[in-house]
Amino acid sequence: MNKRSGISLIEALVTCLLLGVVMGGMFQLVVSVNKANTFTVTMPVVQDEATRIVNLIASDLATAPLCTASSGCTTDSAIHSAAASSVSMYTAASGARRTYTLENGALKRFIGTATTADLTVNDVSAFALKYCSSTDYNMATIPAVSGWPTSITSGANTKQINAISISLTINQGGLKGEYSTIVRLRNSPKKP
């Protein structure tokens, strides 16, 4: 009887092939789990950032006082200027103001007439504002948001803004965070 020892070349090649297939599958599994983990950890951060920024703007708008200065502002208005991707509200009755504006993919906040932003949020792909100037102060019969204008051009008309729709989209690392809200201006339009 001829007893052989070891393994043949064919057996070694088949074993290597099977190990290669198993290792390739394991590698794909690790990559998939890593991607899923990155998405699960990063997505809430992007969404939270969008929510935080919109709520910051909404808070500033909701508490904006009416300007009562005799010059340099729109008297009896909480809003200085209202555009599709920029809003400026008063922060004091004297006419001091704060402005949020979208510039080259960054949402920036300016205090007063400063040319340097004190807050910058990068990776903003959309910042949209719409304005409700319904004459119904209590907003019992306001029109649908889709019909609200994206800008109010004259200072006299900014007195009539009583609600603002804010929408923000942030894209970071291939993930998108979106948040929208409607804020009711506490101090505008001036009650009769």
C-alpha atoms as a PDB file:
ATOM      1  CA  MET A   1       0.000   0.000   0.000  1.00  0.00           C
ATOM      2  CA  ASN A   2       1.223   3.319  -1.037  1.00  0.00           C
ATOM      3  CA  LYS A   3       0.424   5.955   1.579  1.00  0.00           C
ATOM      4  CA  ARG A   4       0.940   9.509   0.559  1.00  0.00           C
ATOM      5  CA  SER A   5       1.531  12.386   2.908  1.00  0.00           C
ATOM      6  CA  GLY A   6       0.524  16.044   2.517  1.00  0.00           C
ATOM      7  CA  ILE A   7      -1.923  17.590   0.088  1.00  0.00           C
ATOM      8  CA  SER A   8      -1.937  17.787  -3.638  1.00  0.00           C
ATOM      9  CA  LEU A   9      -1.529  21.028  -5.592  1.00  0.00           C
ATOM     10  CA  ILE A  10      -5.173  20.933  -6.674  1.00  0.00           C
ATOM     11  CA  GLU A  11      -6.356  20.607  -3.075  1.00  0.00           C
ATOM     12  CA  ALA A  12      -4.183  23.573  -2.059  1.00  0.00           C
ATOM     13  CA  LEU A  13      -5.534  25.722  -4.916  1.00  0.00           C
ATOM     14  CA  VAL A  14      -9.166  24.854  -4.107  1.00  0.00           C
ATOM     15  CA  THR A  15      -8.555  25.696  -0.429  1.00  0.00           C
ATOM     16  CA  CYS A  16      -6.965  29.046  -1.376  1.00  0.00           C
ATOM     17  CA  LEU A  17      -9.862  29.839  -3.702  1.00  0.00           C
ATOM     18  CA  LEU A  18     -12.445  29.073  -1.014  1.00  0.00           C
ATOM     19  CA  LEU A  19     -10.550  31.149   1.570  1.00  0.00           C
ATOM     20  CA  GLY A  20     -10.357  34.038  -0.918  1.00  0.00           C
ATOM     21  CA  VAL A  21     -14.122  33.965  -1.498  1.00  0.00           C
ATOM     22  CA  VAL A  22     -14.842  33.835   2.247  1.00  0.00           C
ATOM     23  CA  MET A  23     -12.367  36.663   2.988  1.00  0.00           C
ATOM     24  CA  GLY A  24     -13.814  38.812   0.162  1.00  0.00           C
ATOM     25  CA  GLY A  25     -17.306  38.343   1.619  1.00  0.00           C
ATOM     26  CA  MET A  26     -16.073  39.261   5.086  1.00  0.00           C
ATOM     27  CA  PHE A  27     -14.405  42.404   3.706  1.00  0.00           C
ATOM     28  CA  GLN A  28     -17.641  43.478   1.967  1.00  0.00           C
ATOM     29  CA  LEU A  29     -19.560  42.887   5.201  1.00  0.00           C
ATOM     30  CA  VAL A  30     -17.122  45.057   7.189  1.00  0.00           C
ATOM     31  CA  VAL A  31     -17.340  47.850   4.590  1.00  0.00           C
ATOM     32  CA  SER A  32     -21.165  47.738   4.616  1.00  0.00           C
ATOM     33  CA  VAL A  33     -21.343  47.813   8.413  1.00  0.00           C
ATOM     34  CA  ASN A  34     -18.887  50.733   8.491  1.00  0.00           C
ATOM     35  CA  LYS A  35     -20.979  52.715   5.975  1.00  0.00           C
ATOM     36  CA  ALA A  36     -24.173  52.034   7.886  1.00  0.00           C
ATOM     37  CA  ASN A  37     -22.519  53.072  11.144  1.00  0.00           C
ATOM     38  CA  THR A  38     -21.187  56.302   9.593  1.00  0.00           C
ATOM     39  CA  PHE A  39     -24.662  57.154   8.272  1.00  0.00           C
ATOM     40  CA  THR A  40     -26.320  56.329  11.605  1.00  0.00           C
ATOM     41  CA  VAL A  41     -23.872  58.487  13.554  1.00  0.00           C
ATOM     42  CA  THR A  42     -23.486  61.394  11.110  1.00  0.00           C
ATOM     43  CA  MET A  43     -27.057  61.845   9.820  1.00  0.00           C
ATOM     44  CA  PRO A  44     -28.504  62.954  13.173  1.00  0.00           C
ATOM     45  CA  VAL A  45     -25.677  65.483  13.526  1.00  0.00           C
ATOM     46  CA  VAL A  46     -26.473  67.056  10.122  1.00  0.00           C
ATOM     47  CA  GLN A  47     -30.212  67.044  10.859  1.00  0.00           C
ATOM     48  CA  ASP A  48     -29.660  68.534  14.322  1.00  0.00           C
ATOM     49  CA  GLU A  49     -27.513  71.314  12.839  1.00  0.00           C
ATOM     50  CA  ALA A  50     -30.282  72.264  10.385  1.00  0.00           C
ATOM     51  CA  THR A  51     -32.862  72.206  13.194  1.00  0.00           C
ATOM     52  CA  ARG A  52     -30.642  74.245  15.526  1.00  0.00           C
ATOM     53  CA  ILE A  53     -29.997  76.978  12.963  1.00  0.00           C
ATOM     54  CA  VAL A  54     -33.656  77.319  11.913  1.00  0.00           C
ATOM     55  CA  ASN A  55     -34.721  77.495  15.567  1.00  0.00           C
ATOM     56  CA  LEU A  56     -32.079  80.165  16.240  1.00  0.00           C
ATOM     57  CA  ILE A  57     -33.412  82.305  13.385  1.00  0.00           C
ATOM     58  CA  ALA A  58     -37.013  81.667  14.455  1.00  0.00           C
ATOM     59  CA  SER A  59     -36.220  82.734  18.014  1.00  0.00           C
ATOM     60  CA  ASP A  60     -34.614  85.974  16.812  1.00  0.00           C
ATOM     61  CA  LEU A  61     -37.612  86.705  14.590  1.00  0.00           C
ATOM     62  CA  ALA A  62     -40.189  85.875  17.254  1.00  0.00           C
ATOM     63  CA  THR A  63     -38.618  88.263  19.745  1.00  0.00           C
ATOM     64  CA  ALA A  64     -37.759  91.089  17.338  1.00  0.00           C
ATOM     65  CA  PRO A  65     -39.009  94.375  18.837  1.00  0.00           C
ATOM     66  CA  LEU A  66     -40.707  97.122  16.881  1.00  0.00           C
ATOM     67  CA  CYS A  67     -38.368  99.905  15.844  1.00  0.00           C
ATOM     68  CA  THR A  68     -39.497 103.209  17.352  1.00  0.00           C
ATOM     69  CA  ALA A  69     -36.534 105.386  16.380  1.00  0.00           C
ATOM     70  CA  SER A  70     -37.341 108.598  14.544  1.00  0.00           C
ATOM     71  CA  SER A  71     -34.819 107.840  11.780  1.00  0.00           C
ATOM     72  CA  GLY A  72     -32.727 104.974  10.390  1.00  0.00           C
ATOM     73  CA  CYS A  73     -35.449 102.351  10.492  1.00  0.00           C
ATOM     74  CA  THR A  74     -38.965 101.515   9.423  1.00  0.00           C
ATOM     75  CA  THR A  75     -40.944 102.819  12.393  1.00  0.00           C
ATOM     76  CA  ASP A  76     -43.365 100.314  13.955  1.00  0.00           C
ATOM     77  CA  SER A  77     -41.842  97.382  12.064  1.00  0.00           C
ATOM     78  CA  ALA A  78     -40.003  94.352  13.496  1.00  0.00           C
ATOM     79  CA  ILE A  79     -38.423  93.601  10.090  1.00  0.00           C
ATOM     80  CA  HIS A  80     -35.900  95.857   8.365  1.00  0.00           C
ATOM     81  CA  SER A  81     -35.676  93.943   5.070  1.00  0.00           C
ATOM     82  CA  ALA A  82     -37.218  90.759   3.707  1.00  0.00           C
ATOM     83  CA  ALA A  83     -35.828  88.845   0.708  1.00  0.00           C
ATOM     84  CA  ALA A  84     -35.928  85.253  -0.556  1.00  0.00           C
ATOM     85  CA  SER A  85     -32.637  84.223   1.097  1.00  0.00           C
ATOM     86  CA  SER A  86     -32.016  87.087   3.502  1.00  0.00           C
ATOM     87  CA  VAL A  87     -33.876  88.627   6.404  1.00  0.00           C
ATOM     88  CA  SER A  88     -32.949  91.506   8.674  1.00  0.00           C
ATOM     89  CA  MET A  89     -34.828  92.117  11.904  1.00  0.00           C
ATOM     90  CA  TYR A  90     -34.536  94.756  14.579  1.00  0.00           C
ATOM     91  CA  THR A  91     -32.901  93.776  17.870  1.00  0.00           C
ATOM     92  CA  ALA A  92     -33.689  97.016  19.689  1.00  0.00           C
ATOM     93  CA  ALA A  93     -36.256  99.798  19.447  1.00  0.00           C
ATOM     94  CA  SER A  94     -33.371 102.111  18.485  1.00  0.00           C
ATOM     95  CA  GLY A  95     -33.039 100.416  15.089  1.00  0.00           C
ATOM     96  CA  ALA A  96     -30.131  98.052  15.823  1.00  0.00           C
ATOM     97  CA  ARG A  97     -30.538  94.934  13.728  1.00  0.00           C
ATOM     98  CA  ARG A  98     -29.413  91.392  12.975  1.00  0.00           C
ATOM     99  CA  THR A  99     -29.267  89.932   9.448  1.00  0.00           C
ATOM    100  CA  TYR A 100     -29.222  86.326   8.230  1.00  0.00           C
ATOM    101  CA  THR A 101     -28.216  85.826   4.607  1.00  0.00           C
ATOM    102  CA  LEU A 102     -27.081  83.047   2.279  1.00  0.00           C
ATOM    103  CA  GLU A 103     -23.764  83.831   0.545  1.00  0.00           C
ATOM    104  CA  ASN A 104     -21.940  81.284  -1.646  1.00  0.00           C
ATOM    105  CA  GLY A 105     -23.232  78.206   0.166  1.00  0.00           C
ATOM    106  CA  ALA A 106     -22.782  79.650   3.651  1.00  0.00           C
ATOM    107  CA  LEU A 107     -25.484  81.028   5.918  1.00  0.00           C
ATOM    108  CA  LYS A 108     -24.107  84.089   7.673  1.00  0.00           C
ATOM    109  CA  ARG A 109     -25.359  86.217  10.544  1.00  0.00           C
ATOM    110  CA  PHE A 110     -24.375  89.868  10.767  1.00  0.00           C
ATOM    111  CA  ILE A 111     -24.889  92.144  13.752  1.00  0.00           C
ATOM    112  CA  GLY A 112     -25.791  95.739  12.922  1.00  0.00           C
ATOM    113  CA  THR A 113     -24.010  96.991   9.813  1.00  0.00           C
ATOM    114  CA  ALA A 114     -20.942  94.778  10.314  1.00  0.00           C
ATOM    115  CA  THR A 115     -19.323  93.402   7.187  1.00  0.00           C
ATOM    116  CA  THR A 116     -17.884  90.373   9.015  1.00  0.00           C
ATOM    117  CA  ALA A 117     -20.250  87.613  10.067  1.00  0.00           C
ATOM    118  CA  ASP A 118     -20.314  86.607  13.730  1.00  0.00           C
ATOM    119  CA  LEU A 119     -21.831  83.211  12.793  1.00  0.00           C
ATOM    120  CA  THR A 120     -21.224  81.174   9.632  1.00  0.00           C
ATOM    121  CA  VAL A 121     -22.787  77.828   8.769  1.00  0.00           C
ATOM    122  CA  ASN A 122     -21.134  76.169   5.766  1.00  0.00           C
ATOM    123  CA  ASP A 123     -22.489  73.534   3.364  1.00  0.00           C
ATOM    124  CA  VAL A 124     -25.915  75.197   3.113  1.00  0.00           C
ATOM    125  CA  SER A 125     -27.512  74.208  -0.174  1.00  0.00           C
ATOM    126  CA  ALA A 126     -30.819  76.024   0.401  1.00  0.00           C
ATOM    127  CA  PHE A 127     -32.112  78.795   2.638  1.00  0.00           C
ATOM    128  CA  ALA A 128     -35.584  79.982   1.712  1.00  0.00           C
ATOM    129  CA  LEU A 129     -37.827  82.538   3.351  1.00  0.00           C
ATOM    130  CA  LYS A 130     -41.468  83.356   2.627  1.00  0.00           C
ATOM    131  CA  TYR A 131     -43.453  86.153   4.206  1.00  0.00           C
ATOM    132  CA  CYS A 132     -47.076  86.380   5.296  1.00  0.00           C
ATOM    133  CA  SER A 133     -48.510  89.858   5.488  1.00  0.00           C
ATOM    134  CA  SER A 134     -52.102  88.854   6.090  1.00  0.00           C
ATOM    135  CA  THR A 135     -54.207  91.705   7.398  1.00  0.00           C
ATOM    136  CA  ASP A 136     -55.747  89.276   9.890  1.00  0.00           C
ATOM    137  CA  TYR A 137     -53.526  89.928  12.923  1.00  0.00           C
ATOM    138  CA  ASN A 138     -54.669  86.764  14.672  1.00  0.00           C
ATOM    139  CA  MET A 139     -53.946  84.748  11.495  1.00  0.00           C
ATOM    140  CA  ALA A 140     -57.267  82.920  11.668  1.00  0.00           C
ATOM    141  CA  THR A 141     -57.631  82.933   7.871  1.00  0.00           C
ATOM    142  CA  ILE A 142     -54.121  83.119   6.446  1.00  0.00           C
ATOM    143  CA  PRO A 143     -53.308  81.918   2.917  1.00  0.00           C
ATOM    144  CA  ALA A 144     -51.331  78.710   2.293  1.00  0.00           C
ATOM    145  CA  VAL A 145     -47.546  79.062   2.657  1.00  0.00           C
ATOM    146  CA  SER A 146     -47.078  78.204  -1.028  1.00  0.00           C
ATOM    147  CA  GLY A 147     -48.798  81.501  -1.870  1.00  0.00           C
ATOM    148  CA  TRP A 148     -46.659  83.678   0.416  1.00  0.00           C
ATOM    149  CA  PRO A 149     -44.259  86.061  -1.355  1.00  0.00           C
ATOM    150  CA  THR A 150     -40.501  85.488  -1.185  1.00  0.00           C
ATOM    151  CA  SER A 151     -39.735  89.155  -0.605  1.00  0.00           C
ATOM    152  CA  ILE A 152     -41.314  92.328   0.720  1.00  0.00           C
ATOM    153  CA  THR A 153     -39.789  95.291  -1.042  1.00  0.00           C
ATOM    154  CA  SER A 154     -40.797  98.492   0.682  1.00  0.00           C
ATOM    155  CA  GLY A 155     -40.256  99.459   4.285  1.00  0.00           C
ATOM    156  CA  ALA A 156     -43.898 100.380   4.752  1.00  0.00           C
ATOM    157  CA  ASN A 157     -44.898  96.852   3.738  1.00  0.00           C
ATOM    158  CA  THR A 158     -42.489  95.239   6.216  1.00  0.00           C
ATOM    159  CA  LYS A 159     -44.788  96.596   8.945  1.00  0.00           C
ATOM    160  CA  GLN A 160     -47.448  94.159   7.773  1.00  0.00           C
ATOM    161  CA  ILE A 161     -45.352  90.965   7.999  1.00  0.00           C
ATOM    162  CA  ASN A 162     -46.838  88.814  10.731  1.00  0.00           C
ATOM    163  CA  ALA A 163     -45.331  85.375   9.955  1.00  0.00           C
ATOM    164  CA  ILE A 164     -42.270  84.014   8.180  1.00  0.00           C
ATOM    165  CA  SER A 165     -41.670  80.528   6.765  1.00  0.00           C
ATOM    166  CA  ILE A 166     -38.030  79.415   7.150  1.00  0.00           C
ATOM    167  CA  SER A 167     -36.535  76.421   5.276  1.00  0.00           C
ATOM    168  CA  LEU A 168     -32.916  75.292   5.490  1.00  0.00           C
ATOM    169  CA  THR A 169     -31.025  72.424   3.831  1.00  0.00           C
ATOM    170  CA  ILE A 170     -27.486  71.465   4.844  1.00  0.00           C
ATOM    171  CA  ASN A 171     -25.353  68.949   2.887  1.00  0.00           C
ATOM    172  CA  GLN A 172     -22.347  67.533   4.734  1.00  0.00           C
ATOM    173  CA  GLY A 173     -20.375  64.486   3.673  1.00  0.00           C
ATOM    174  CA  GLY A 174     -23.040  63.360   1.227  1.00  0.00           C
ATOM    175  CA  LEU A 175     -25.777  63.572   3.884  1.00  0.00           C
ATOM    176  CA  LYS A 176     -28.646  66.051   3.772  1.00  0.00           C
ATOM    177  CA  GLY A 177     -30.349  67.624   6.767  1.00  0.00           C
ATOM    178  CA  GLU A 178     -33.511  69.672   6.224  1.00  0.00           C
ATOM    179  CA  TYR A 179     -35.735  71.626   8.565  1.00  0.00           C
ATOM    180  CA  SER A 180     -38.597  74.075   8.101  1.00  0.00           C
ATOM    181  CA  THR A 181     -40.801  76.060  10.420  1.00  0.00           C
ATOM    182  CA  ILE A 182     -43.180  78.989  10.460  1.00  0.00           C
ATOM    183  CA  VAL A 183     -42.584  81.678  13.027  1.00  0.00           C
ATOM    184  CA  ARG A 184     -45.198  84.170  14.128  1.00  0.00           C
ATOM    185  CA  LEU A 185     -43.767  87.628  14.737  1.00  0.00           C
ATOM    186  CA  ARG A 186     -44.757  88.678  18.226  1.00  0.00           C
ATOM    187  CA  ASN A 187     -44.544  92.408  17.582  1.00  0.00           C
ATOM    188  CA  SER A 188     -45.630  92.916  13.996  1.00  0.00           C
ATOM    189  CA  PRO A 189     -47.806  94.268  12.548  1.00  0.00           C
ATOM    190  CA  LYS A 190     -48.446  96.889  15.144  1.00  0.00           C
ATOM    191  CA  LYS A 191     -51.781  96.333  16.797  1.00  0.00           C
ATOM    192  CA  PRO A 192     -54.246  99.209  16.337  1.00  0.00           C
END
